[in-house]
PDB file of N, CA and C in Angstrom:
ATOM      1  N   CYS A   1     -53.557  23.123  31.276  1.00  0.00           N
ATOM      2  CA  CYS A   1     -53.143  24.023  30.096  1.00  0.00           C
ATOM      3  C   CYS A   1     -52.185  24.927  30.777  1.00  0.00           C
ATOM      4  N   GLU A   2     -52.478  25.518  32.159  1.00  0.00           N
ATOM      5  CA  GLU A   2     -51.943  26.362  32.373  1.00  0.00           C
ATOM      6  C   GLU A   2     -50.463  25.741  32.869  1.00  0.00           C
ATOM      7  N   ARG A   3     -50.331  24.548  33.654  1.00  0.00           N
ATOM      8  CA  ARG A   3     -49.108  23.954  34.123  1.00  0.00           C
ATOM      9  C   ARG A   3     -48.067  23.927  32.856  1.00  0.00           C
ATOM     10  N   LEU A   4     -48.636  23.399  31.745  1.00  0.00           N
ATOM     11  CA  LEU A   4     -48.045  23.448  30.458  1.00  0.00           C
ATOM     12  C   LEU A   4     -47.609  24.652  30.102  1.00  0.00           C
ATOM     13  N   VAL A   5     -48.338  25.598  29.971  1.00  0.00           N
ATOM     14  CA  VAL A   5     -48.061  27.080  29.558  1.00  0.00           C
ATOM     15  C   VAL A   5     -46.904  27.655  30.256  1.00  0.00           C
ATOM     16  N   ALA A   6     -46.905  27.583  31.515  1.00  0.00           N
ATOM     17  CA  ALA A   6     -45.973  27.866  32.439  1.00  0.00           C
ATOM     18  C   ALA A   6     -44.677  27.195  32.306  1.00  0.00           C
ATOM     19  N   ALA A   7     -44.739  26.018  31.908  1.00  0.00           N
ATOM     20  CA  ALA A   7     -43.325  25.332  31.318  1.00  0.00           C
ATOM     21  C   ALA A   7     -42.895  25.980  30.301  1.00  0.00           C
ATOM     22  N   GLY A   8     -43.573  26.652  29.540  1.00  0.00           N
ATOM     23  CA  GLY A   8     -42.964  27.066  28.133  1.00  0.00           C
ATOM     24  C   GLY A   8     -43.725  26.284  26.713  1.00  0.00           C
ATOM     25  N   HIS A   9     -44.592  25.635  27.076  1.00  0.00           N
ATOM     26  CA  HIS A   9     -45.318  25.111  25.975  1.00  0.00           C
ATOM     27  C   HIS A   9     -46.474  25.757  25.158  1.00  0.00           C
ATOM     28  N   ASN A  10     -46.356  25.683  23.912  1.00  0.00           N
ATOM     29  CA  ASN A  10     -47.468  26.612  23.359  1.00  0.00           C
ATOM     30  C   ASN A  10     -48.788  25.342  23.450  1.00  0.00           C
ATOM     31  N   VAL A  11     -49.716  25.578  24.432  1.00  0.00           N
ATOM     32  CA  VAL A  11     -50.634  24.794  24.639  1.00  0.00           C
ATOM     33  C   VAL A  11     -51.935  25.730  24.731  1.00  0.00           C
ATOM     34  N   GLN A  12     -53.205  25.298  24.127  1.00  0.00           N
ATOM     35  CA  GLN A  12     -54.185  26.266  23.962  1.00  0.00           C
ATOM     36  C   GLN A  12     -55.431  25.153  24.310  1.00  0.00           C
ATOM     37  N   TYR A  13     -56.405  25.739  24.872  1.00  0.00           N
ATOM     38  CA  TYR A  13     -57.590  25.082  24.788  1.00  0.00           C
ATOM     39  C   TYR A  13     -58.599  26.079  24.108  1.00  0.00           C
ATOM     40  N   VAL A  14     -59.345  25.303  23.429  1.00  0.00           N
ATOM     41  CA  VAL A  14     -60.197  25.975  22.615  1.00  0.00           C
ATOM     42  C   VAL A  14     -61.580  25.428  22.527  1.00  0.00           C
ATOM     43  N   HIS A  15     -62.567  26.335  22.682  1.00  0.00           N
ATOM     44  CA  HIS A  15     -63.883  26.201  23.022  1.00  0.00           C
ATOM     45  C   HIS A  15     -64.886  27.080  22.244  1.00  0.00           C
ATOM     46  N   ARG A  16     -65.539  26.615  21.529  1.00  0.00           N
ATOM     47  CA  ARG A  16     -66.375  27.419  20.270  1.00  0.00           C
ATOM     48  C   ARG A  16     -67.640  27.557  21.171  1.00  0.00           C
ATOM     49  N   GLN A  17     -68.398  28.713  20.908  1.00  0.00           N
ATOM     50  CA  GLN A  17     -69.462  29.186  21.434  1.00  0.00           C
ATOM     51  C   GLN A  17     -70.830  28.789  20.927  1.00  0.00           C
ATOM     52  N   ASN A  18     -70.604  28.509  19.544  1.00  0.00           N
ATOM     53  CA  ASN A  18     -71.735  27.894  18.847  1.00  0.00           C
ATOM     54  C   ASN A  18     -71.424  26.574  18.460  1.00  0.00           C
ATOM     55  N   ARG A  19     -72.488  25.705  18.232  1.00  0.00           N
ATOM     56  CA  ARG A  19     -72.629  24.370  17.995  1.00  0.00           C
ATOM     57  C   ARG A  19     -72.638  24.019  16.355  1.00  0.00           C
ATOM     58  N   ARG A  20     -72.442  24.973  15.669  1.00  0.00           N
ATOM     59  CA  ARG A  20     -72.789  24.906  14.276  1.00  0.00           C
ATOM     60  C   ARG A  20     -71.894  23.705  13.589  1.00  0.00           C
ATOM     61  N   GLY A  21     -72.276  22.720  12.808  1.00  0.00           N
ATOM     62  CA  GLY A  21     -71.840  21.823  12.496  1.00  0.00           C
ATOM     63  C   GLY A  21     -71.574  20.599  13.525  1.00  0.00           C
ATOM     64  N   PHE A  22     -71.854  20.867  14.717  1.00  0.00           N
ATOM     65  CA  PHE A  22     -71.612  19.732  15.639  1.00  0.00           C
ATOM     66  C   PHE A  22     -70.279  19.477  15.737  1.00  0.00           C
ATOM     67  N   LYS A  23     -69.924  18.074  16.034  1.00  0.00           N
ATOM     68  CA  LYS A  23     -68.641  17.624  16.096  1.00  0.00           C
ATOM     69  C   LYS A  23     -67.731  17.739  14.554  1.00  0.00           C
ATOM     70  N   ALA A  24     -68.099  17.739  13.765  1.00  0.00           N
ATOM     71  CA  ALA A  24     -67.451  18.186  12.491  1.00  0.00           C
ATOM     72  C   ALA A  24     -67.042  19.660  12.657  1.00  0.00           C
ATOM     73  N   GLY A  25     -68.125  20.445  12.620  1.00  0.00           N
ATOM     74  CA  GLY A  25     -67.838  21.905  13.162  1.00  0.00           C
ATOM     75  C   GLY A  25     -66.779  22.251  13.902  1.00  0.00           C
ATOM     76  N   ALA A  26     -66.849  21.573  14.958  1.00  0.00           N
ATOM     77  CA  ALA A  26     -65.743  21.542  16.074  1.00  0.00           C
ATOM     78  C   ALA A  26     -64.417  21.234  15.759  1.00  0.00           C
ATOM     79  N   LEU A  27     -64.281  20.063  14.787  1.00  0.00           N
ATOM     80  CA  LEU A  27     -63.040  19.881  14.321  1.00  0.00           C
ATOM     81  C   LEU A  27     -62.499  20.743  13.338  1.00  0.00           C
ATOM     82  N   GLU A  28     -63.247  20.933  12.589  1.00  0.00           N
ATOM     83  CA  GLU A  28     -63.011  22.202  11.372  1.00  0.00           C
ATOM     84  C   GLU A  28     -62.471  23.482  12.222  1.00  0.00           C
ATOM     85  N   HIS A  29     -63.326  24.091  13.198  1.00  0.00           N
ATOM     86  CA  HIS A  29     -62.813  25.040  13.791  1.00  0.00           C
ATOM     87  C   HIS A  29     -61.398  25.082  14.469  1.00  0.00           C
ATOM     88  N   GLY A  30     -61.272  23.890  15.135  1.00  0.00           N
ATOM     89  CA  GLY A  30     -60.026  23.667  15.803  1.00  0.00           C
ATOM     90  C   GLY A  30     -58.899  23.477  14.767  1.00  0.00           C
ATOM     91  N   MET A  31     -58.993  22.995  13.574  1.00  0.00           N
ATOM     92  CA  MET A  31     -57.716  22.711  12.739  1.00  0.00           C
ATOM     93  C   MET A  31     -57.695  24.225  12.060  1.00  0.00           C
ATOM     94  N   GLN A  32     -58.547  24.917  11.832  1.00  0.00           N
ATOM     95  CA  GLN A  32     -58.602  26.544  11.379  1.00  0.00           C
ATOM     96  C   GLN A  32     -57.833  27.390  12.564  1.00  0.00           C
ATOM     97  N   THR A  33     -57.897  27.159  13.675  1.00  0.00           N
ATOM     98  CA  THR A  33     -57.305  27.752  14.992  1.00  0.00           C
ATOM     99  C   THR A  33     -56.059  27.486  15.251  1.00  0.00           C
ATOM    100  N   ALA A  34     -55.843  25.948  15.333  1.00  0.00           N
ATOM    101  CA  ALA A  34     -54.467  25.539  15.759  1.00  0.00           C
ATOM    102  C   ALA A  34     -53.327  25.993  14.964  1.00  0.00           C
ATOM    103  N   GLU A  35     -52.294  26.043  15.617  1.00  0.00           N
ATOM    104  CA  GLU A  35     -50.707  26.417  15.095  1.00  0.00           C
ATOM    105  C   GLU A  35     -49.686  25.425  15.424  1.00  0.00           C
ATOM    106  N   GLY A  36     -48.971  25.236  14.397  1.00  0.00           N
ATOM    107  CA  GLY A  36     -47.698  24.203  15.011  1.00  0.00           C
ATOM    108  C   GLY A  36     -48.067  23.028  13.860  1.00  0.00           C
ATOM    109  N   GLU A  37     -46.787  22.152  14.296  1.00  0.00           N
ATOM    110  CA  GLU A  37     -46.691  20.975  13.480  1.00  0.00           C
ATOM    111  C   GLU A  37     -47.543  19.785  13.849  1.00  0.00           C
ATOM    112  N   PHE A  38     -47.667  19.711  15.311  1.00  0.00           N
ATOM    113  CA  PHE A  38     -48.705  18.597  15.820  1.00  0.00           C
ATOM    114  C   PHE A  38     -49.717  19.084  16.638  1.00  0.00           C
ATOM    115  N   ILE A  39     -50.715  18.562  16.288  1.00  0.00           N
ATOM    116  CA  ILE A  39     -52.181  19.015  16.969  1.00  0.00           C
ATOM    117  C   ILE A  39     -52.761  17.799  17.567  1.00  0.00           C
ATOM    118  N   ALA A  40     -53.155  18.072  18.712  1.00  0.00           N
ATOM    119  CA  ALA A  40     -53.784  16.893  19.566  1.00  0.00           C
ATOM    120  C   ALA A  40     -55.514  17.292  19.952  1.00  0.00           C
ATOM    121  N   VAL A  41     -56.234  16.242  19.416  1.00  0.00           N
ATOM    122  CA  VAL A  41     -57.742  16.352  19.621  1.00  0.00           C
ATOM    123  C   VAL A  41     -58.293  15.405  20.824  1.00  0.00           C
ATOM    124  N   PHE A  42     -58.875  16.004  21.411  1.00  0.00           N
ATOM    125  CA  PHE A  42     -59.512  15.280  22.598  1.00  0.00           C
ATOM    126  C   PHE A  42     -61.127  15.701  22.744  1.00  0.00           C
ATOM    127  N   ASP A  43     -61.852  14.679  23.149  1.00  0.00           N
ATOM    128  CA  ASP A  43     -63.316  14.907  22.912  1.00  0.00           C
ATOM    129  C   ASP A  43     -63.409  15.225  24.385  1.00  0.00           C
ATOM    130  N   ALA A  44     -64.708  16.121  24.934  1.00  0.00           N
ATOM    131  CA  ALA A  44     -64.816  16.292  26.074  1.00  0.00           C
ATOM    132  C   ALA A  44     -64.866  15.438  27.148  1.00  0.00           C
ATOM    133  N   ASP A  45     -65.304  14.149  26.874  1.00  0.00           N
ATOM    134  CA  ASP A  45     -65.233  13.001  27.806  1.00  0.00           C
ATOM    135  C   ASP A  45     -64.257  12.181  28.043  1.00  0.00           C
ATOM    136  N   PHE A  46     -63.031  12.459  27.232  1.00  0.00           N
ATOM    137  CA  PHE A  46     -61.795  11.920  27.110  1.00  0.00           C
ATOM    138  C   PHE A  46     -61.166  11.959  28.536  1.00  0.00           C
ATOM    139  N   VAL A  47     -60.360  10.910  29.145  1.00  0.00           N
ATOM    140  CA  VAL A  47     -59.691  11.219  30.474  1.00  0.00           C
ATOM    141  C   VAL A  47     -58.552  10.395  29.984  1.00  0.00           C
ATOM    142  N   PRO A  48     -57.531  11.208  29.511  1.00  0.00           N
ATOM    143  CA  PRO A  48     -56.271  10.643  28.497  1.00  0.00           C
ATOM    144  C   PRO A  48     -55.051  10.326  29.854  1.00  0.00           C
ATOM    145  N   PRO A  49     -54.275   9.393  29.673  1.00  0.00           N
ATOM    146  CA  PRO A  49     -53.021   9.316  30.768  1.00  0.00           C
ATOM    147  C   PRO A  49     -52.324  10.586  30.767  1.00  0.00           C
ATOM    148  N   PRO A  50     -51.801  11.370  31.890  1.00  0.00           N
ATOM    149  CA  PRO A  50     -50.954  12.355  31.789  1.00  0.00           C
ATOM    150  C   PRO A  50     -49.815  12.273  30.942  1.00  0.00           C
ATOM    151  N   ASP A  51     -49.305  11.120  30.408  1.00  0.00           N
ATOM    152  CA  ASP A  51     -48.072  11.126  29.389  1.00  0.00           C
ATOM    153  C   ASP A  51     -48.611  10.716  28.123  1.00  0.00           C
ATOM    154  N   ILE A  52     -49.875  11.284  27.756  1.00  0.00           N
ATOM    155  CA  ILE A  52     -50.337  10.753  26.458  1.00  0.00           C
ATOM    156  C   ILE A  52     -49.585  11.358  25.267  1.00  0.00           C
ATOM    157  N   LEU A  53     -49.195  12.701  25.442  1.00  0.00           N
ATOM    158  CA  LEU A  53     -48.652  13.482  24.307  1.00  0.00           C
ATOM    159  C   LEU A  53     -47.104  12.994  24.020  1.00  0.00           C
ATOM    160  N   ARG A  54     -46.578  12.630  25.243  1.00  0.00           N
ATOM    161  CA  ARG A  54     -45.199  12.378  25.179  1.00  0.00           C
ATOM    162  C   ARG A  54     -45.103  11.102  24.289  1.00  0.00           C
ATOM    163  N   ARG A  55     -46.006  10.105  24.901  1.00  0.00           N
ATOM    164  CA  ARG A  55     -46.143   8.521  24.207  1.00  0.00           C
ATOM    165  C   ARG A  55     -46.458   8.629  22.811  1.00  0.00           C
ATOM    166  N   ALA A  56     -47.398   9.778  22.401  1.00  0.00           N
ATOM    167  CA  ALA A  56     -47.869   9.943  21.050  1.00  0.00           C
ATOM    168  C   ALA A  56     -46.643  10.554  20.133  1.00  0.00           C
ATOM    169  N   ILE A  57     -45.838  11.566  20.620  1.00  0.00           N
ATOM    170  CA  ILE A  57     -45.097  12.223  19.572  1.00  0.00           C
ATOM    171  C   ILE A  57     -43.819  11.135  19.382  1.00  0.00           C
ATOM    172  N   ASP A  58     -43.432  10.325  19.753  1.00  0.00           N
ATOM    173  CA  ASP A  58     -42.664   9.395  19.440  1.00  0.00           C
ATOM    174  C   ASP A  58     -42.782   8.662  18.100  1.00  0.00           C
ATOM    175  N   HIS A  59     -43.824   8.427  17.874  1.00  0.00           N
ATOM    176  CA  HIS A  59     -44.511   7.665  16.798  1.00  0.00           C
ATOM    177  C   HIS A  59     -44.249   8.327  15.641  1.00  0.00           C
ATOM    178  N   PHE A  60     -44.042  10.016  15.558  1.00  0.00           N
ATOM    179  CA  PHE A  60     -44.219  10.842  14.322  1.00  0.00           C
ATOM    180  C   PHE A  60     -42.395  10.754  14.054  1.00  0.00           C
ATOM    181  N   THR A  61     -41.624  10.091  14.673  1.00  0.00           N
ATOM    182  CA  THR A  61     -40.415  10.434  13.963  1.00  0.00           C
ATOM    183  C   THR A  61     -40.359   9.404  12.718  1.00  0.00           C
ATOM    184  N   ASP A  62     -41.170   8.409  12.590  1.00  0.00           N
ATOM    185  CA  ASP A  62     -41.303   7.845  11.420  1.00  0.00           C
ATOM    186  C   ASP A  62     -42.141   8.974  10.439  1.00  0.00           C
ATOM    187  N   ARG A  63     -41.615   9.120   9.429  1.00  0.00           N
ATOM    188  CA  ARG A  63     -42.167  10.327   8.747  1.00  0.00           C
ATOM    189  C   ARG A  63     -43.320   9.431   7.721  1.00  0.00           C
ATOM    190  N   THR A  64     -43.460   8.279   7.769  1.00  0.00           N
ATOM    191  CA  THR A  64     -44.845   7.590   6.981  1.00  0.00           C
ATOM    192  C   THR A  64     -46.096   7.930   7.702  1.00  0.00           C
ATOM    193  N   ILE A  65     -45.868   8.249   8.978  1.00  0.00           N
ATOM    194  CA  ILE A  65     -46.990   8.252   9.808  1.00  0.00           C
ATOM    195  C   ILE A  65     -47.367   9.877   9.973  1.00  0.00           C
ATOM    196  N   GLY A  66     -48.718  10.059   9.462  1.00  0.00           N
ATOM    197  CA  GLY A  66     -49.370  11.334   9.388  1.00  0.00           C
ATOM    198  C   GLY A  66     -50.416  11.674  10.413  1.00  0.00           C
ATOM    199  N   MET A  67     -50.886  10.622  11.235  1.00  0.00           N
ATOM    200  CA  MET A  67     -52.102  10.841  12.264  1.00  0.00           C
ATOM    201  C   MET A  67     -51.948   9.639  12.931  1.00  0.00           C
ATOM    202  N   LEU A  68     -52.347   9.772  14.416  1.00  0.00           N
ATOM    203  CA  LEU A  68     -52.395   8.528  15.138  1.00  0.00           C
ATOM    204  C   LEU A  68     -53.517   8.887  16.166  1.00  0.00           C
ATOM    205  N   GLN A  69     -54.126   7.754  16.383  1.00  0.00           N
ATOM    206  CA  GLN A  69     -55.141   7.560  17.151  1.00  0.00           C
ATOM    207  C   GLN A  69     -55.042   6.490  18.236  1.00  0.00           C
ATOM    208  N   PHE A  70     -55.243   6.758  19.660  1.00  0.00           N
ATOM    209  CA  PHE A  70     -54.911   5.651  20.662  1.00  0.00           C
ATOM    210  C   PHE A  70     -56.220   5.042  20.908  1.00  0.00           C
ATOM    211  N   ARG A  71     -56.151   3.773  21.468  1.00  0.00           N
ATOM    212  CA  ARG A  71     -57.392   2.957  21.910  1.00  0.00           C
ATOM    213  C   ARG A  71     -57.834   3.629  22.966  1.00  0.00           C
ATOM    214  N   TRP A  72     -59.241   3.621  23.105  1.00  0.00           N
ATOM    215  CA  TRP A  72     -59.877   4.106  24.394  1.00  0.00           C
ATOM    216  C   TRP A  72     -60.727   3.150  24.829  1.00  0.00           C
ATOM    217  N   SER A  73     -61.190   3.036  26.164  1.00  0.00           N
ATOM    218  CA  SER A  73     -62.051   2.199  26.666  1.00  0.00           C
ATOM    219  C   SER A  73     -63.089   2.833  27.434  1.00  0.00           C
ATOM    220  N   HIS A  74     -64.018   2.210  28.074  1.00  0.00           N
ATOM    221  CA  HIS A  74     -64.678   2.633  29.117  1.00  0.00           C
ATOM    222  C   HIS A  74     -64.086   2.712  30.658  1.00  0.00           C
ATOM    223  N   LEU A  75     -64.296   3.671  31.010  1.00  0.00           N
ATOM    224  CA  LEU A  75     -63.829   3.891  32.559  1.00  0.00           C
ATOM    225  C   LEU A  75     -64.819   3.159  33.600  1.00  0.00           C
ATOM    226  N   ASN A  76     -66.156   3.059  33.215  1.00  0.00           N
ATOM    227  CA  ASN A  76     -67.237   2.479  34.017  1.00  0.00           C
ATOM    228  C   ASN A  76     -67.531   1.071  33.513  1.00  0.00           C
ATOM    229  N   ARG A  77     -66.511   0.473  33.039  1.00  0.00           N
ATOM    230  CA  ARG A  77     -66.948  -1.034  32.135  1.00  0.00           C
ATOM    231  C   ARG A  77     -67.696  -1.850  33.123  1.00  0.00           C
ATOM    232  N   HIS A  78     -67.433  -1.899  34.299  1.00  0.00           N
ATOM    233  CA  HIS A  78     -68.177  -2.913  35.336  1.00  0.00           C
ATOM    234  C   HIS A  78     -69.146  -2.369  36.203  1.00  0.00           C
ATOM    235  N   ASP A  79     -69.614  -1.144  36.059  1.00  0.00           N
ATOM    236  CA  ASP A  79     -70.852  -0.487  36.768  1.00  0.00           C
ATOM    237  C   ASP A  79     -72.024  -1.198  36.498  1.00  0.00           C
ATOM    238  N   SER A  80     -72.216  -1.525  35.258  1.00  0.00           N
ATOM    239  CA  SER A  80     -73.722  -2.295  34.900  1.00  0.00           C
ATOM    240  C   SER A  80     -73.504  -3.541  33.799  1.00  0.00           C
ATOM    241  N   LEU A  81     -74.718  -3.926  33.793  1.00  0.00           N
ATOM    242  CA  LEU A  81     -74.691  -5.054  32.348  1.00  0.00           C
ATOM    243  C   LEU A  81     -74.729  -4.099  31.108  1.00  0.00           C
ATOM    244  N   LEU A  82     -75.191  -2.917  31.415  1.00  0.00           N
ATOM    245  CA  LEU A  82     -75.175  -2.022  29.890  1.00  0.00           C
ATOM    246  C   LEU A  82     -73.812  -1.249  29.549  1.00  0.00           C
ATOM    247  N   THR A  83     -73.228  -1.055  30.749  1.00  0.00           N
ATOM    248  CA  THR A  83     -71.822  -0.777  30.206  1.00  0.00           C
ATOM    249  C   THR A  83     -70.868  -1.512  30.101  1.00  0.00           C
ATOM    250  N   GLU A  84     -70.829  -2.697  30.505  1.00  0.00           N
ATOM    251  CA  GLU A  84     -70.299  -3.785  30.151  1.00  0.00           C
ATOM    252  C   GLU A  84     -70.522  -4.492  28.683  1.00  0.00           C
ATOM    253  N   ILE A  85     -71.801  -4.504  28.154  1.00  0.00           N
ATOM    254  CA  ILE A  85     -71.850  -4.574  26.928  1.00  0.00           C
ATOM    255  C   ILE A  85     -71.519  -3.374  25.633  1.00  0.00           C
ATOM    256  N   GLN A  86     -71.563  -2.284  26.221  1.00  0.00           N
ATOM    257  CA  GLN A  86     -70.908  -1.232  25.539  1.00  0.00           C
ATOM    258  C   GLN A  86     -69.223  -1.302  25.558  1.00  0.00           C
ATOM    259  N   ALA A  87     -68.788  -1.773  26.435  1.00  0.00           N
ATOM    260  CA  ALA A  87     -67.251  -1.905  26.142  1.00  0.00           C
ATOM    261  C   ALA A  87     -66.870  -3.121  25.457  1.00  0.00           C
ATOM    262  N   MET A  88     -67.732  -4.021  25.601  1.00  0.00           N
ATOM    263  CA  MET A  88     -67.812  -5.217  24.460  1.00  0.00           C
ATOM    264  C   MET A  88     -67.647  -4.721  23.119  1.00  0.00           C
ATOM    265  N   TYR A  89     -68.506  -4.183  22.951  1.00  0.00           N
ATOM    266  CA  TYR A  89     -68.777  -3.528  21.429  1.00  0.00           C
ATOM    267  C   TYR A  89     -67.595  -2.565  21.150  1.00  0.00           C
ATOM    268  N   LEU A  90     -67.097  -1.922  21.852  1.00  0.00           N
ATOM    269  CA  LEU A  90     -66.077  -1.054  21.714  1.00  0.00           C
ATOM    270  C   LEU A  90     -64.633  -1.934  21.432  1.00  0.00           C
ATOM    271  N   ASP A  91     -64.377  -2.669  22.358  1.00  0.00           N
ATOM    272  CA  ASP A  91     -63.329  -3.737  22.194  1.00  0.00           C
ATOM    273  C   ASP A  91     -63.342  -4.597  20.763  1.00  0.00           C
ATOM    274  N   GLY A  92     -64.320  -4.697  20.167  1.00  0.00           N
ATOM    275  CA  GLY A  92     -64.822  -5.490  18.926  1.00  0.00           C
ATOM    276  C   GLY A  92     -64.093  -4.479  17.951  1.00  0.00           C
ATOM    277  N   HIS A  93     -64.867  -3.254  18.183  1.00  0.00           N
ATOM    278  CA  HIS A  93     -64.524  -2.275  17.075  1.00  0.00           C
ATOM    279  C   HIS A  93     -62.863  -2.138  17.180  1.00  0.00           C
ATOM    280  N   PHE A  94     -62.236  -2.026  18.119  1.00  0.00           N
ATOM    281  CA  PHE A  94     -61.125  -1.911  18.152  1.00  0.00           C
ATOM    282  C   PHE A  94     -60.108  -2.829  17.585  1.00  0.00           C
ATOM    283  N   VAL A  95     -60.379  -4.294  18.181  1.00  0.00           N
ATOM    284  CA  VAL A  95     -59.895  -5.430  17.737  1.00  0.00           C
ATOM    285  C   VAL A  95     -60.011  -6.026  16.577  1.00  0.00           C
ATOM    286  N   VAL A  96     -61.192  -6.028  16.091  1.00  0.00           N
ATOM    287  CA  VAL A  96     -61.595  -6.604  14.974  1.00  0.00           C
ATOM    288  C   VAL A  96     -61.257  -5.559  13.776  1.00  0.00           C
ATOM    289  N   GLU A  97     -62.545  -4.604  14.036  1.00  0.00           N
ATOM    290  CA  GLU A  97     -62.638  -3.922  12.761  1.00  0.00           C
ATOM    291  C   GLU A  97     -61.388  -2.895  12.335  1.00  0.00           C
ATOM    292  N   GLN A  98     -60.833  -2.018  13.346  1.00  0.00           N
ATOM    293  CA  GLN A  98     -59.692  -1.075  13.009  1.00  0.00           C
ATOM    294  C   GLN A  98     -58.414  -1.938  12.741  1.00  0.00           C
ATOM    295  N   THR A  99     -58.352  -3.027  13.524  1.00  0.00           N
ATOM    296  CA  THR A  99     -57.094  -4.095  12.782  1.00  0.00           C
ATOM    297  C   THR A  99     -57.079  -4.227  11.647  1.00  0.00           C
ATOM    298  N   ALA A 100     -58.382  -4.745  11.145  1.00  0.00           N
ATOM    299  CA  ALA A 100     -58.610  -5.364   9.758  1.00  0.00           C
ATOM    300  C   ALA A 100     -58.688  -4.479   8.604  1.00  0.00           C
ATOM    301  N   ARG A 101     -58.994  -2.888   9.114  1.00  0.00           N
ATOM    302  CA  ARG A 101     -58.917  -2.056   8.057  1.00  0.00           C
ATOM    303  C   ARG A 101     -57.573  -1.419   8.027  1.00  0.00           C
ATOM    304  N   ALA A 102     -56.448  -1.416   9.208  1.00  0.00           N
ATOM    305  CA  ALA A 102     -55.080  -0.884   8.982  1.00  0.00           C
ATOM    306  C   ALA A 102     -54.498  -2.033   8.259  1.00  0.00           C
ATOM    307  N   ALA A 103     -54.716  -3.307   8.583  1.00  0.00           N
ATOM    308  CA  ALA A 103     -53.906  -4.345   7.824  1.00  0.00           C
ATOM    309  C   ALA A 103     -54.245  -4.229   6.118  1.00  0.00           C
ATOM    310  N   SER A 104     -55.539  -4.032   6.066  1.00  0.00           N
ATOM    311  CA  SER A 104     -55.756  -3.851   4.443  1.00  0.00           C
ATOM    312  C   SER A 104     -55.366  -2.679   3.723  1.00  0.00           C
ATOM    313  N   GLY A 105     -54.812  -1.924   4.508  1.00  0.00           N
ATOM    314  CA  GLY A 105     -54.492  -0.371   3.896  1.00  0.00           C
ATOM    315  C   GLY A 105     -55.875   0.432   3.917  1.00  0.00           C
ATOM    316  N   ARG A 106     -56.765   0.212   4.605  1.00  0.00           N
ATOM    317  CA  ARG A 106     -58.001   0.994   4.403  1.00  0.00           C
ATOM    318  C   ARG A 106     -58.313   2.396   5.605  1.00  0.00           C
ATOM    319  N   TRP A 107     -58.860   3.248   5.117  1.00  0.00           N
ATOM    320  CA  TRP A 107     -59.003   4.590   6.086  1.00  0.00           C
ATOM    321  C   TRP A 107     -59.764   3.809   7.118  1.00  0.00           C
ATOM    322  N   PHE A 108     -59.409   4.416   8.437  1.00  0.00           N
ATOM    323  CA  PHE A 108     -60.448   3.711   9.412  1.00  0.00           C
ATOM    324  C   PHE A 108     -61.437   4.787  10.059  1.00  0.00           C
ATOM    325  N   ASN A 109     -62.379   4.754  10.477  1.00  0.00           N
ATOM    326  CA  ASN A 109     -63.298   5.803  11.155  1.00  0.00           C
ATOM    327  C   ASN A 109     -62.888   6.135  12.671  1.00  0.00           C
ATOM    328  N   PHE A 110     -63.154   7.093  13.108  1.00  0.00           N
ATOM    329  CA  PHE A 110     -62.799   7.339  14.646  1.00  0.00           C
ATOM    330  C   PHE A 110     -63.829   7.979  15.265  1.00  0.00           C
TER     331      PHE A 110
END
C-alpha cells in the first residue's frame, strides 16, 4: 500500500480488530469503510499478480458490468495428493459451475 499511496493513489489497508460476523462481517465493515467508485477485496490468503487492478479496471468501461471476480488457483497444486485433489475441485467449480451460472444469467457464489 505504501508504494501506491506514495504514487498518489487512494489505497487503504483495512483490518478489523474483532471477528464479529466472520467473513460476512469483514465484508460489511469494508463496504462501510470504503470510499471511491471502485472497491477491491482480497482475502488474507490471496496472492494476486502485481497488475491485477490494472487488468480489472478495463472491464468497467462496459457500463453493464458492476462486479468482477478473477479466477483463482492453488499455489501448491503439485505438493501432495490432497492439494492436487483440492485444485481439481476448484477447477471444476470455475470451469463448470461458474460458467454455467454465468451463461444462464444466474447469480454466482464466491
